Amino acid sequence: MRYKVKIRETLERTVEVSAKNEEEAIDKTEMLYNKCSIVLDADDFEEVKFLIEE
């Protein structure tokens, strides 16, 4: 029997940004991430899961 197994890795990092409010903080962080100013790598590894796909 053959199975499809999905491998899901989670990377996580906390960054600090100056902002007027939470929405602006998220917007700024998303912009930095999209411009590749923040790049998560193996040092940011949080967990791995293995899931059977149906």
PDB file of N, CA and C in Angstrom:
ATOM      1  N   MET A   1       0.842  -1.179   0.000  1.00  0.00           N
ATOM      2  CA  MET A   1       0.000   0.000   0.000  1.00  0.00           C
ATOM      3  C   MET A   1       0.891   1.247   0.000  1.00  0.00           C
ATOM      4  N   ARG A   2       0.469   2.283  -0.714  1.00  0.00           N
ATOM      5  CA  ARG A   2       1.233   3.530  -0.757  1.00  0.00           C
ATOM      6  C   ARG A   2       0.450   4.634  -0.043  1.00  0.00           C
ATOM      7  N   TYR A   3       1.190   5.497   0.628  1.00  0.00           N
ATOM      8  CA  TYR A   3       0.574   6.597   1.367  1.00  0.00           C
ATOM      9  C   TYR A   3       1.230   7.906   0.958  1.00  0.00           C
ATOM     10  N   LYS A   4       0.450   8.964   0.977  1.00  0.00           N
ATOM     11  CA  LYS A   4       0.986  10.316   0.813  1.00  0.00           C
ATOM     12  C   LYS A   4       1.126  10.891   2.212  1.00  0.00           C
ATOM     13  N   VAL A   5       2.343  11.284   2.555  1.00  0.00           N
ATOM     14  CA  VAL A   5       2.609  11.848   3.880  1.00  0.00           C
ATOM     15  C   VAL A   5       3.072  13.285   3.692  1.00  0.00           C
ATOM     16  N   LYS A   6       2.354  14.201   4.289  1.00  0.00           N
ATOM     17  CA  LYS A   6       2.695  15.614   4.232  1.00  0.00           C
ATOM     18  C   LYS A   6       3.634  15.931   5.393  1.00  0.00           C
ATOM     19  N   ILE A   7       4.715  16.635   5.091  1.00  0.00           N
ATOM     20  CA  ILE A   7       5.662  17.085   6.121  1.00  0.00           C
ATOM     21  C   ILE A   7       5.451  18.590   6.283  1.00  0.00           C
ATOM     22  N   ARG A   8       5.125  19.002   7.493  1.00  0.00           N
ATOM     23  CA  ARG A   8       4.879  20.419   7.754  1.00  0.00           C
ATOM     24  C   ARG A   8       5.876  20.910   8.794  1.00  0.00           C
ATOM     25  N   GLU A   9       6.723  21.847   8.395  1.00  0.00           N
ATOM     26  CA  GLU A   9       7.671  22.464   9.323  1.00  0.00           C
ATOM     27  C   GLU A   9       7.157  23.855   9.682  1.00  0.00           C
ATOM     28  N   THR A  10       7.313  24.204  10.926  1.00  0.00           N
ATOM     29  CA  THR A  10       6.924  25.531  11.384  1.00  0.00           C
ATOM     30  C   THR A  10       8.178  26.287  11.813  1.00  0.00           C
ATOM     31  N   LEU A  11       8.331  27.480  11.244  1.00  0.00           N
ATOM     32  CA  LEU A  11       9.412  28.386  11.638  1.00  0.00           C
ATOM     33  C   LEU A  11       8.766  29.555  12.371  1.00  0.00           C
ATOM     34  N   GLU A  12       9.458  30.077  13.371  1.00  0.00           N
ATOM     35  CA  GLU A  12       8.864  31.136  14.183  1.00  0.00           C
ATOM     36  C   GLU A  12       9.946  32.066  14.703  1.00  0.00           C
ATOM     37  N   ARG A  13       9.682  33.371  14.635  1.00  0.00           N
ATOM     38  CA  ARG A  13      10.604  34.364  15.184  1.00  0.00           C
ATOM     39  C   ARG A  13       9.790  35.558  15.676  1.00  0.00           C
ATOM     40  N   THR A  14      10.175  36.117  16.777  1.00  0.00           N
ATOM     41  CA  THR A  14       9.556  37.333  17.294  1.00  0.00           C
ATOM     42  C   THR A  14      10.471  38.503  16.965  1.00  0.00           C
ATOM     43  N   VAL A  15       9.883  39.555  16.383  1.00  0.00           N
ATOM     44  CA  VAL A  15      10.646  40.763  16.057  1.00  0.00           C
ATOM     45  C   VAL A  15       9.992  41.952  16.740  1.00  0.00           C
ATOM     46  N   GLU A  16      10.777  42.986  16.987  1.00  0.00           N
ATOM     47  CA  GLU A  16      10.249  44.211  17.575  1.00  0.00           C
ATOM     48  C   GLU A  16      10.228  45.303  16.529  1.00  0.00           C
ATOM     49  N   VAL A  17       9.107  46.019  16.441  1.00  0.00           N
ATOM     50  CA  VAL A  17       8.990  47.164  15.542  1.00  0.00           C
ATOM     51  C   VAL A  17       8.349  48.312  16.304  1.00  0.00           C
ATOM     52  N   SER A  18       8.673  49.522  15.908  1.00  0.00           N
ATOM     53  CA  SER A  18       8.025  50.696  16.479  1.00  0.00           C
ATOM     54  C   SER A  18       6.787  50.999  15.647  1.00  0.00           C
ATOM     55  N   ALA A  19       5.660  51.224  16.334  1.00  0.00           N
ATOM     56  CA  ALA A  19       4.406  51.496  15.640  1.00  0.00           C
ATOM     57  C   ALA A  19       3.446  52.217  16.573  1.00  0.00           C
ATOM     58  N   LYS A  20       2.442  52.860  15.954  1.00  0.00           N
ATOM     59  CA  LYS A  20       1.423  53.576  16.731  1.00  0.00           C
ATOM     60  C   LYS A  20       0.405  52.634  17.356  1.00  0.00           C
ATOM     61  N   ASN A  21       0.187  51.477  16.690  1.00  0.00           N
ATOM     62  CA  ASN A  21      -0.802  50.531  17.193  1.00  0.00           C
ATOM     63  C   ASN A  21      -0.482  49.130  16.658  1.00  0.00           C
ATOM     64  N   GLU A  22      -1.255  48.141  17.077  1.00  0.00           N
ATOM     65  CA  GLU A  22      -1.003  46.755  16.692  1.00  0.00           C
ATOM     66  C   GLU A  22      -1.129  46.543  15.183  1.00  0.00           C
ATOM     67  N   GLU A  23      -2.124  47.164  14.570  1.00  0.00           N
ATOM     68  CA  GLU A  23      -2.331  47.007  13.120  1.00  0.00           C
ATOM     69  C   GLU A  23      -1.120  47.521  12.340  1.00  0.00           C
ATOM     70  N   GLU A  24      -0.605  48.681  12.739  1.00  0.00           N
ATOM     71  CA  GLU A  24       0.571  49.237  12.074  1.00  0.00           C
ATOM     72  C   GLU A  24       1.791  48.339  12.305  1.00  0.00           C
ATOM     73  N   ALA A  25       1.908  47.774  13.489  1.00  0.00           N
ATOM     74  CA  ALA A  25       3.028  46.875  13.784  1.00  0.00           C
ATOM     75  C   ALA A  25       3.001  45.657  12.868  1.00  0.00           C
ATOM     76  N   ILE A  26       1.817  45.084  12.676  1.00  0.00           N
ATOM     77  CA  ILE A  26       1.691  43.931  11.784  1.00  0.00           C
ATOM     78  C   ILE A  26       1.977  44.344  10.346  1.00  0.00           C
ATOM     79  N   ASP A  27       1.437  45.488   9.920  1.00  0.00           N
ATOM     80  CA  ASP A  27       1.680  45.969   8.549  1.00  0.00           C
ATOM     81  C   ASP A  27       3.163  46.178   8.293  1.00  0.00           C
ATOM     82  N   LYS A  28       3.859  46.801   9.235  1.00  0.00           N
ATOM     83  CA  LYS A  28       5.296  47.048   9.075  1.00  0.00           C
ATOM     84  C   LYS A  28       6.067  45.732   9.006  1.00  0.00           C
ATOM     85  N   THR A  29       5.715  44.811   9.880  1.00  0.00           N
ATOM     86  CA  THR A  29       6.412  43.527   9.903  1.00  0.00           C
ATOM     87  C   THR A  29       6.155  42.755   8.613  1.00  0.00           C
ATOM     88  N   GLU A  30       4.929  42.765   8.138  1.00  0.00           N
ATOM     89  CA  GLU A  30       4.605  42.087   6.882  1.00  0.00           C
ATOM     90  C   GLU A  30       5.372  42.703   5.712  1.00  0.00           C
ATOM     91  N   MET A  31       5.482  44.030   5.690  1.00  0.00           N
ATOM     92  CA  MET A  31       6.235  44.702   4.636  1.00  0.00           C
ATOM     93  C   MET A  31       7.711  44.289   4.675  1.00  0.00           C
ATOM     94  N   LEU A  32       8.305  44.264   5.875  1.00  0.00           N
ATOM     95  CA  LEU A  32       9.704  43.853   6.015  1.00  0.00           C
ATOM     96  C   LEU A  32       9.891  42.406   5.571  1.00  0.00           C
ATOM     97  N   TYR A  33       8.945  41.554   5.913  1.00  0.00           N
ATOM     98  CA  TYR A  33       9.009  40.143   5.518  1.00  0.00           C
ATOM     99  C   TYR A  33       8.906  40.004   3.999  1.00  0.00           C
ATOM    100  N   ASN A  34       7.954  40.714   3.397  1.00  0.00           N
ATOM    101  CA  ASN A  34       7.757  40.636   1.948  1.00  0.00           C
ATOM    102  C   ASN A  34       8.941  41.199   1.167  1.00  0.00           C
ATOM    103  N   LYS A  35       9.668  42.146   1.752  1.00  0.00           N
ATOM    104  CA  LYS A  35      10.859  42.712   1.108  1.00  0.00           C
ATOM    105  C   LYS A  35      12.108  41.885   1.417  1.00  0.00           C
ATOM    106  N   CYS A  36      11.925  40.758   2.096  1.00  0.00           N
ATOM    107  CA  CYS A  36      13.023  39.856   2.491  1.00  0.00           C
ATOM    108  C   CYS A  36      14.006  40.509   3.461  1.00  0.00           C
ATOM    109  N   SER A  37      13.550  41.488   4.195  1.00  0.00           N
ATOM    110  CA  SER A  37      14.372  42.066   5.261  1.00  0.00           C
ATOM    111  C   SER A  37      14.357  41.151   6.484  1.00  0.00           C
ATOM    112  N   ILE A  38      13.316  40.351   6.591  1.00  0.00           N
ATOM    113  CA  ILE A  38      13.213  39.325   7.625  1.00  0.00           C
ATOM    114  C   ILE A  38      13.103  37.993   6.887  1.00  0.00           C
ATOM    115  N   VAL A  39      14.074  37.121   7.091  1.00  0.00           N
ATOM    116  CA  VAL A  39      14.065  35.808   6.450  1.00  0.00           C
ATOM    117  C   VAL A  39      14.244  34.758   7.533  1.00  0.00           C
ATOM    118  N   LEU A  40      13.232  33.918   7.682  1.00  0.00           N
ATOM    119  CA  LEU A  40      13.322  32.842   8.665  1.00  0.00           C
ATOM    120  C   LEU A  40      14.156  31.704   8.095  1.00  0.00           C
ATOM    121  N   ASP A  41      14.944  31.078   8.976  1.00  0.00           N
ATOM    122  CA  ASP A  41      15.811  29.985   8.539  1.00  0.00           C
ATOM    123  C   ASP A  41      15.804  28.875   9.589  1.00  0.00           C
ATOM    124  N   ALA A  42      16.735  27.950   9.460  1.00  0.00           N
ATOM    125  CA  ALA A  42      16.775  26.780  10.352  1.00  0.00           C
ATOM    126  C   ALA A  42      16.885  27.165  11.824  1.00  0.00           C
ATOM    127  N   ASP A  43      17.476  28.303  12.127  1.00  0.00           N
ATOM    128  CA  ASP A  43      17.581  28.746  13.521  1.00  0.00           C
ATOM    129  C   ASP A  43      16.216  29.098  14.121  1.00  0.00           C
ATOM    130  N   ASP A  44      15.217  29.309  13.258  1.00  0.00           N
ATOM    131  CA  ASP A  44      13.879  29.682  13.703  1.00  0.00           C
ATOM    132  C   ASP A  44      12.935  28.473  13.772  1.00  0.00           C
ATOM    133  N   PHE A  45      13.497  27.279  13.635  1.00  0.00           N
ATOM    134  CA  PHE A  45      12.682  26.060  13.639  1.00  0.00           C
ATOM    135  C   PHE A  45      11.922  25.915  14.945  1.00  0.00           C
ATOM    136  N   GLU A  46      10.637  25.607  14.830  1.00  0.00           N
ATOM    137  CA  GLU A  46       9.788  25.446  16.008  1.00  0.00           C
ATOM    138  C   GLU A  46       9.285  24.005  16.162  1.00  0.00           C
ATOM    139  N   GLU A  47       8.768  23.411  15.069  1.00  0.00           N
ATOM    140  CA  GLU A  47       8.250  22.050  15.167  1.00  0.00           C
ATOM    141  C   GLU A  47       8.106  21.431  13.782  1.00  0.00           C
ATOM    142  N   VAL A  48       7.922  20.115  13.766  1.00  0.00           N
ATOM    143  CA  VAL A  48       7.632  19.392  12.528  1.00  0.00           C
ATOM    144  C   VAL A  48       6.490  18.421  12.804  1.00  0.00           C
ATOM    145  N   LYS A  49       5.597  18.270  11.814  1.00  0.00           N
ATOM    146  CA  LYS A  49       4.488  17.330  11.912  1.00  0.00           C
ATOM    147  C   LYS A  49       4.460  16.491  10.660  1.00  0.00           C
ATOM    148  N   PHE A  50       4.053  15.237  10.807  1.00  0.00           N
ATOM    149  CA  PHE A  50       3.893  14.328   9.684  1.00  0.00           C
ATOM    150  C   PHE A  50       2.422  13.924   9.643  1.00  0.00           C
ATOM    151  N   LEU A  51       1.772  14.166   8.504  1.00  0.00           N
ATOM    152  CA  LEU A  51       0.339  13.964   8.380  1.00  0.00           C
ATOM    153  C   LEU A  51       0.029  13.077   7.172  1.00  0.00           C
ATOM    154  N   ILE A  52      -0.846  12.117   7.355  1.00  0.00           N
ATOM    155  CA  ILE A  52      -1.294  11.280   6.253  1.00  0.00           C
ATOM    156  C   ILE A  52      -2.338  12.056   5.472  1.00  0.00           C
ATOM    157  N   GLU A  53      -2.131  12.164   4.149  1.00  0.00           N
ATOM    158  CA  GLU A  53      -3.136  12.808   3.295  1.00  0.00           C
ATOM    159  C   GLU A  53      -4.120  11.751   2.815  1.00  0.00           C
ATOM    160  N   GLU A  54      -5.368  12.123   2.784  1.00  0.00           N
ATOM    161  CA  GLU A  54      -6.398  11.177   2.325  1.00  0.00           C
ATOM    162  C   GLU A  54      -6.628  11.311   0.852  1.00  0.00           C
TER     163      GLU A  54
END
